Amino acid sequence: MKQLVYTRDTDENIFKAGKKGLHFTNREYMESLKDELIEAYADYHQKMDTGCLHQLSGKWEVDFLAPEDERNATERKRQFVHDLYKSNRPIVKNHKKDILDRNHCKTIICPICGIDTYDDWDHYVPRESMPEFSVLTSNLIPLCHECNSDKGTLWLNDERDHRLIFNAFVDTVPNVPVVTCTLIIDDVLNYPYVRIDVNPALRADVPAENIILTTVENLRLIEKYQNEADKAVKKMIQALSDRLTVRMQYGEVDRLELLREEKDVWRQHLKSPSTWNFLELQIFEELSKPEALTDWFVNL
């Protein structure tokens, strides 16, 4: 998981940016909500800064016991601000450009899984429950489609006393890897694979690490990482086997030397971290260890 840097503008400027591109009547109506929206943005940022984002409450909760005209007015506000969000609106496009610039990258990799490029903008605080934050840039986090879909409206535990999902604008990343990779030779198939596990060094009693653990669990990331690892290892082993086949056509082959050559290539990949995702780098590191694959490959 990765923390993303972004520019937090003033609440007033965020409100102004949210109005750009609206038709005149919609701009007029949004102007009538200005004080309430800016107050909501200020509350969001205050709780964000103090680590109390889970304490947010909705600005416009519908009271079904209230008079009909009052209910209709509240529902109109909710629907209006909910519909302010569209991924092609200037405020969202500028937010994307800012994230690219501030993080010095040409492509945004999903800050949760670290594997796929972003496809969607996740409303960290779901706009279904708090639509007033639908175009608040602090609440718009780029995620890959799979992570965004799996997260859905989940962000709080049932007691609403802490968050469950990593927030790339808020949460710090621990100094240890999220997962571990362990090389195993399958006893039945006699074929190597890498088992992916949650890093046991992560502690549930440390808040910054607990949110990593709950994110991994709720978004089923180990399953995703295992699938990615299986494909990566299969590709690496197939390439190694193909080189062995080619060399055998020309006579005897020093298998240990061939394996050392391949491991040198994998170690070179470790020197180009920007070329590979974090999981591939961990797999390269695991398979390039001196003892890795030796017995299996010699007896292949």
Protein backbone atom coordinates (compact mmCIF):
# COMPACT_ATOMS: atom_id res chain seq x y z
CA MET A 1 0.00 0.00 0.00
CA LYS A 2 1.14 3.48 -0.73
CA GLN A 3 0.48 6.95 0.59
CA LEU A 4 -0.40 9.54 -2.05
CA VAL A 5 0.41 13.23 -1.86
CA TYR A 6 -2.20 15.70 -3.06
CA THR A 7 -2.85 19.43 -2.78
CA ARG A 8 -5.53 20.32 -0.28
CA ASP A 9 -7.09 23.58 -1.35
CA THR A 10 -9.12 25.85 0.92
CA ASP A 11 -12.71 24.86 1.57
CA GLU A 12 -13.85 28.01 -0.25
CA ASN A 13 -11.83 27.17 -3.35
CA ILE A 14 -13.05 23.57 -3.36
CA PHE A 15 -16.61 24.88 -3.30
CA LYS A 16 -15.87 27.23 -6.22
CA ALA A 17 -14.22 24.44 -8.21
CA GLY A 18 -17.26 22.25 -7.60
CA LYS A 19 -19.47 24.83 -9.31
CA LYS A 20 -17.42 25.04 -12.51
CA GLY A 21 -19.14 23.56 -15.54
CA LEU A 22 -22.64 23.61 -14.02
CA HIS A 23 -25.59 25.14 -15.78
CA PHE A 24 -26.77 28.50 -14.48
CA THR A 25 -29.75 27.15 -12.52
CA ASN A 26 -27.59 24.50 -10.86
CA ARG A 27 -24.92 27.07 -10.01
CA GLU A 28 -27.61 29.22 -8.40
CA TYR A 29 -28.91 26.35 -6.32
CA MET A 30 -25.41 25.31 -5.29
CA GLU A 31 -24.69 28.88 -4.24
CA SER A 32 -27.66 28.65 -1.88
CA LEU A 33 -25.92 25.66 -0.22
CA LYS A 34 -22.56 27.40 0.06
CA ASP A 35 -22.47 27.94 3.83
CA GLU A 36 -23.62 24.40 4.58
CA LEU A 37 -21.16 22.79 2.17
CA ILE A 38 -18.18 24.81 3.35
CA GLU A 39 -19.10 23.98 6.93
CA ALA A 40 -19.22 20.27 5.97
CA TYR A 41 -15.83 20.48 4.21
CA ALA A 42 -14.30 22.17 7.23
CA ASP A 43 -15.65 19.45 9.51
CA TYR A 44 -14.25 16.75 7.22
CA HIS A 45 -10.78 18.31 7.21
CA GLN A 46 -10.77 18.93 10.95
CA LYS A 47 -11.59 15.27 11.63
CA MET A 48 -9.15 14.15 8.95
CA ASP A 49 -6.33 16.10 10.60
CA THR A 50 -7.08 14.79 14.09
CA GLY A 51 -7.45 11.14 13.09
CA CYS A 52 -11.19 11.20 13.80
CA LEU A 53 -12.60 10.76 10.30
CA HIS A 54 -14.76 7.92 11.62
CA GLN A 55 -16.65 10.46 13.72
CA LEU A 56 -18.13 12.22 10.70
CA SER A 57 -21.90 12.43 10.61
CA GLY A 58 -24.12 13.32 7.67
CA LYS A 59 -25.03 16.93 7.04
CA TRP A 60 -28.49 16.23 5.69
CA GLU A 61 -30.09 13.21 7.31
CA VAL A 62 -33.68 12.69 6.23
CA ASP A 63 -36.13 12.82 9.13
CA PHE A 64 -39.03 10.70 7.97
CA LEU A 65 -41.18 12.07 10.78
CA ALA A 66 -40.71 15.65 9.59
CA PRO A 67 -43.31 17.47 7.46
CA GLU A 68 -43.33 16.50 3.80
CA ASP A 69 -41.99 19.82 2.49
CA GLU A 70 -39.07 19.63 4.93
CA ARG A 71 -38.30 16.04 3.89
CA ASN A 72 -38.47 16.99 0.21
CA ALA A 73 -36.09 19.92 0.74
CA THR A 74 -33.55 17.67 2.47
CA GLU A 75 -33.85 14.96 -0.17
CA ARG A 76 -33.38 17.56 -2.91
CA LYS A 77 -30.15 18.75 -1.29
CA ARG A 78 -28.88 15.20 -0.96
CA GLN A 79 -29.70 14.28 -4.55
CA PHE A 80 -28.25 17.50 -5.94
CA VAL A 81 -24.86 17.21 -4.24
CA HIS A 82 -24.77 13.45 -4.93
CA ASP A 83 -25.10 14.17 -8.64
CA LEU A 84 -22.37 16.83 -8.64
CA TYR A 85 -19.82 14.07 -9.11
CA LYS A 86 -18.90 12.98 -12.62
CA SER A 87 -15.45 11.66 -13.45
CA ASN A 88 -15.07 14.04 -16.42
CA ARG A 89 -15.83 17.22 -14.46
CA PRO A 90 -13.02 19.82 -14.25
CA ILE A 91 -12.60 19.43 -10.48
CA VAL A 92 -11.92 15.68 -10.90
CA LYS A 93 -9.63 16.09 -13.90
CA ASN A 94 -7.58 18.73 -12.09
CA HIS A 95 -7.41 16.48 -9.02
CA LYS A 96 -5.93 13.69 -11.15
CA LYS A 97 -3.34 16.02 -12.68
CA ASP A 98 -2.38 17.27 -9.23
CA ILE A 99 -1.86 13.72 -7.92
CA LEU A 100 0.29 12.83 -10.93
CA ASP A 101 2.38 15.98 -10.51
CA ARG A 102 2.75 15.78 -6.74
CA ASN A 103 3.74 12.10 -6.82
CA HIS A 104 6.07 12.49 -9.82
CA CYS A 105 4.48 9.72 -11.85
CA LYS A 106 2.99 9.28 -15.30
CA THR A 107 0.49 6.65 -14.19
CA ILE A 108 -1.33 6.22 -10.90
CA ILE A 109 -0.95 2.71 -9.49
CA CYS A 110 -3.78 1.72 -7.15
CA PRO A 111 -2.55 2.77 -3.70
CA ILE A 112 -4.33 -0.15 -2.03
CA CYS A 113 -3.33 -3.25 -4.01
CA GLY A 114 -0.21 -1.77 -5.61
CA ILE A 115 -0.73 -3.97 -8.67
CA ASP A 116 -3.18 -2.44 -11.13
CA THR A 117 -3.45 1.08 -12.49
CA TYR A 118 -6.31 3.22 -11.26
CA ASP A 119 -9.63 3.06 -13.11
CA ASP A 120 -12.08 4.62 -10.69
CA TRP A 121 -12.42 7.41 -8.15
CA ASP A 122 -13.43 6.02 -4.82
CA HIS A 123 -15.52 8.15 -2.49
CA TYR A 124 -13.76 7.11 0.70
CA VAL A 125 -16.73 8.35 2.72
CA PRO A 126 -19.48 6.94 0.50
CA ARG A 127 -21.64 9.53 -1.21
CA GLU A 128 -24.66 7.27 -0.71
CA SER A 129 -24.49 8.05 3.01
CA MET A 130 -22.85 11.50 2.94
CA PRO A 131 -23.39 12.98 -0.54
CA GLU A 132 -22.11 16.39 0.57
CA PHE A 133 -18.58 15.04 0.02
CA SER A 134 -19.17 13.87 -3.55
CA VAL A 135 -16.77 16.45 -5.06
CA LEU A 136 -14.58 17.07 -2.01
CA THR A 137 -11.16 16.24 -3.45
CA SER A 138 -9.89 15.04 -0.06
CA ASN A 139 -12.54 12.33 -0.30
CA LEU A 140 -11.73 11.25 -3.88
CA ILE A 141 -9.05 8.56 -3.99
CA PRO A 142 -7.94 6.84 -7.22
CA LEU A 143 -8.31 3.05 -7.02
CA CYS A 144 -8.26 0.18 -9.48
CA HIS A 145 -11.69 -1.08 -10.45
CA GLU A 146 -11.36 -4.30 -8.44
CA CYS A 147 -10.38 -2.58 -5.19
CA ASN A 148 -13.05 0.07 -5.64
CA SER A 149 -15.69 -2.55 -6.34
CA ASP A 150 -14.66 -4.71 -3.38
CA LYS A 151 -14.60 -1.71 -1.06
CA GLY A 152 -18.03 -0.51 -2.12
CA THR A 153 -19.50 1.53 0.72
CA LEU A 154 -17.36 -0.15 3.37
CA TRP A 155 -15.14 2.12 5.43
CA LEU A 156 -16.27 1.78 9.07
CA ASN A 157 -16.72 -1.14 11.44
CA ASP A 158 -20.19 -1.93 12.76
CA GLU A 159 -19.68 0.09 15.94
CA ARG A 160 -18.49 3.06 13.86
CA ASP A 161 -15.57 3.59 16.24
CA HIS A 162 -12.76 3.02 13.76
CA ARG A 163 -12.08 2.77 10.05
CA LEU A 164 -11.50 -0.52 8.23
CA ILE A 165 -10.06 0.56 4.88
CA PHE A 166 -6.68 2.15 4.14
CA ASN A 167 -6.92 5.81 3.12
CA ALA A 168 -4.06 6.82 0.82
CA PHE A 169 -4.36 10.49 1.84
CA VAL A 170 -4.42 9.83 5.59
CA ASP A 171 -2.77 6.57 6.60
CA THR A 172 0.94 5.91 6.92
CA VAL A 173 2.55 2.80 5.46
CA PRO A 174 4.55 0.55 7.82
CA ASN A 175 8.24 -0.03 7.24
CA VAL A 176 7.70 -3.75 6.71
CA PRO A 177 6.19 -5.41 3.61
CA VAL A 178 2.48 -6.07 3.73
CA VAL A 179 2.97 -9.66 2.59
CA THR A 180 5.68 -12.31 2.62
CA CYS A 181 6.67 -14.62 -0.24
CA THR A 182 7.81 -18.18 0.44
CA LEU A 183 9.15 -20.49 -2.27
CA ILE A 184 7.65 -23.98 -2.10
CA ILE A 185 8.11 -27.02 -4.33
CA ASP A 186 4.79 -28.79 -4.75
CA ASP A 187 5.23 -32.41 -3.63
CA VAL A 188 2.69 -33.78 -6.08
CA LEU A 189 3.40 -31.77 -9.21
CA ASN A 190 7.10 -31.25 -8.45
CA TYR A 191 6.71 -27.65 -9.53
CA PRO A 192 7.73 -24.46 -7.72
CA TYR A 193 5.31 -21.82 -6.56
CA VAL A 194 5.43 -18.89 -4.16
CA ARG A 195 3.01 -18.83 -1.25
CA ILE A 196 1.72 -15.38 -0.29
CA ASP A 197 0.92 -14.66 3.35
CA VAL A 198 0.13 -11.60 5.42
CA ASN A 199 3.36 -10.45 7.01
CA PRO A 200 3.26 -11.73 10.62
CA ALA A 201 5.31 -8.68 11.65
CA LEU A 202 2.18 -6.53 11.24
CA ARG A 203 0.48 -6.07 14.60
CA ALA A 204 -3.24 -5.64 15.11
CA ASP A 205 -2.64 -3.64 18.31
CA VAL A 206 -0.84 -0.90 16.35
CA PRO A 207 -3.53 1.32 14.72
CA ALA A 208 -1.45 2.18 11.64
CA GLU A 209 -0.81 -1.52 11.03
CA ASN A 210 -4.27 -2.73 12.01
CA ILE A 211 -5.89 -0.77 9.20
CA ILE A 212 -3.51 -2.49 6.76
CA LEU A 213 -4.62 -5.88 8.13
CA THR A 214 -8.33 -5.07 7.96
CA THR A 215 -7.95 -3.74 4.42
CA VAL A 216 -6.17 -6.92 3.30
CA GLU A 217 -8.92 -9.02 4.88
CA ASN A 218 -11.95 -7.07 3.67
CA LEU A 219 -10.70 -6.61 0.12
CA ARG A 220 -9.42 -10.21 -0.13
CA LEU A 221 -6.01 -9.00 -1.24
CA ILE A 222 -4.16 -12.22 -0.38
CA GLU A 223 -6.28 -14.04 -2.94
CA LYS A 224 -5.46 -11.39 -5.53
CA TYR A 225 -1.76 -11.43 -4.68
CA GLN A 226 -1.64 -15.22 -4.83
CA ASN A 227 -3.17 -15.22 -8.31
CA GLU A 228 -0.66 -12.61 -9.45
CA ALA A 229 2.23 -14.54 -7.89
CA ASP A 230 1.17 -17.80 -9.55
CA LYS A 231 1.20 -16.13 -12.96
CA ALA A 232 4.53 -14.41 -12.36
CA VAL A 233 6.31 -17.54 -11.10
CA LYS A 234 4.90 -19.67 -13.92
CA LYS A 235 6.25 -17.17 -16.44
CA MET A 236 9.68 -17.08 -14.78
CA ILE A 237 9.97 -20.87 -14.52
CA GLN A 238 8.77 -21.35 -18.09
CA ALA A 239 11.45 -18.96 -19.34
CA LEU A 240 14.08 -20.86 -17.34
CA SER A 241 12.87 -24.22 -18.70
CA ASP A 242 12.87 -22.88 -22.26
CA ARG A 243 16.52 -21.79 -21.91
CA LEU A 244 17.40 -25.22 -20.58
CA THR A 245 15.70 -26.90 -23.56
CA VAL A 246 17.55 -24.69 -26.06
CA ARG A 247 20.95 -25.32 -24.47
CA MET A 248 20.36 -29.06 -24.24
CA GLN A 249 20.03 -29.12 -28.01
CA TYR A 250 23.71 -28.24 -28.16
CA GLY A 251 24.91 -30.90 -25.73
CA GLU A 252 25.54 -31.12 -22.02
CA VAL A 253 24.34 -28.25 -19.85
CA ASP A 254 25.73 -26.98 -16.58
CA ARG A 255 22.40 -26.52 -14.88
CA LEU A 256 23.81 -24.75 -11.85
CA GLU A 257 25.55 -22.22 -14.09
CA LEU A 258 22.37 -21.65 -16.08
CA LEU A 259 20.41 -21.10 -12.85
CA ARG A 260 23.05 -18.66 -11.59
CA GLU A 261 22.78 -16.71 -14.84
CA GLU A 262 19.00 -16.52 -14.50
CA LYS A 263 19.24 -15.39 -10.89
CA ASP A 264 21.63 -12.64 -11.95
CA VAL A 265 18.91 -11.40 -14.31
CA TRP A 266 16.36 -11.43 -11.49
CA ARG A 267 18.76 -9.54 -9.23
CA GLN A 268 19.18 -6.91 -11.94
CA HIS A 269 15.39 -6.44 -11.91
CA LEU A 270 15.65 -5.58 -8.21
CA LYS A 271 17.79 -2.59 -9.19
CA SER A 272 14.97 -1.20 -11.36
CA PRO A 273 12.11 -0.96 -8.85
CA SER A 274 10.06 1.44 -10.94
CA THR A 275 9.75 -1.18 -13.70
CA TRP A 276 8.05 -3.79 -11.53
CA ASN A 277 5.25 -3.82 -8.99
CA PHE A 278 6.07 -4.52 -5.35
CA LEU A 279 4.94 -8.15 -5.53
CA GLU A 280 7.13 -8.95 -8.54
CA LEU A 281 10.10 -7.43 -6.73
CA GLN A 282 9.48 -9.59 -3.67
CA ILE A 283 9.22 -12.68 -5.91
CA PHE A 284 12.47 -11.80 -7.69
CA GLU A 285 14.12 -11.45 -4.30
CA GLU A 286 12.79 -14.79 -3.06
CA LEU A 287 13.72 -16.76 -6.19
CA SER A 288 17.17 -15.20 -6.54
CA LYS A 289 18.33 -16.40 -3.11
CA PRO A 290 21.44 -18.64 -3.45
CA GLU A 291 19.69 -21.83 -2.35
CA ALA A 292 16.39 -21.22 -4.13
CA LEU A 293 15.41 -23.76 -6.84
CA THR A 294 18.83 -25.44 -6.80
CA ASP A 295 17.79 -29.00 -5.92
CA TRP A 296 14.65 -28.82 -8.02
CA PHE A 297 16.37 -27.51 -11.14
CA VAL A 298 19.34 -29.88 -10.96
CA ASN A 299 16.97 -32.84 -10.81
CA LEU A 300 14.44 -31.53 -13.29
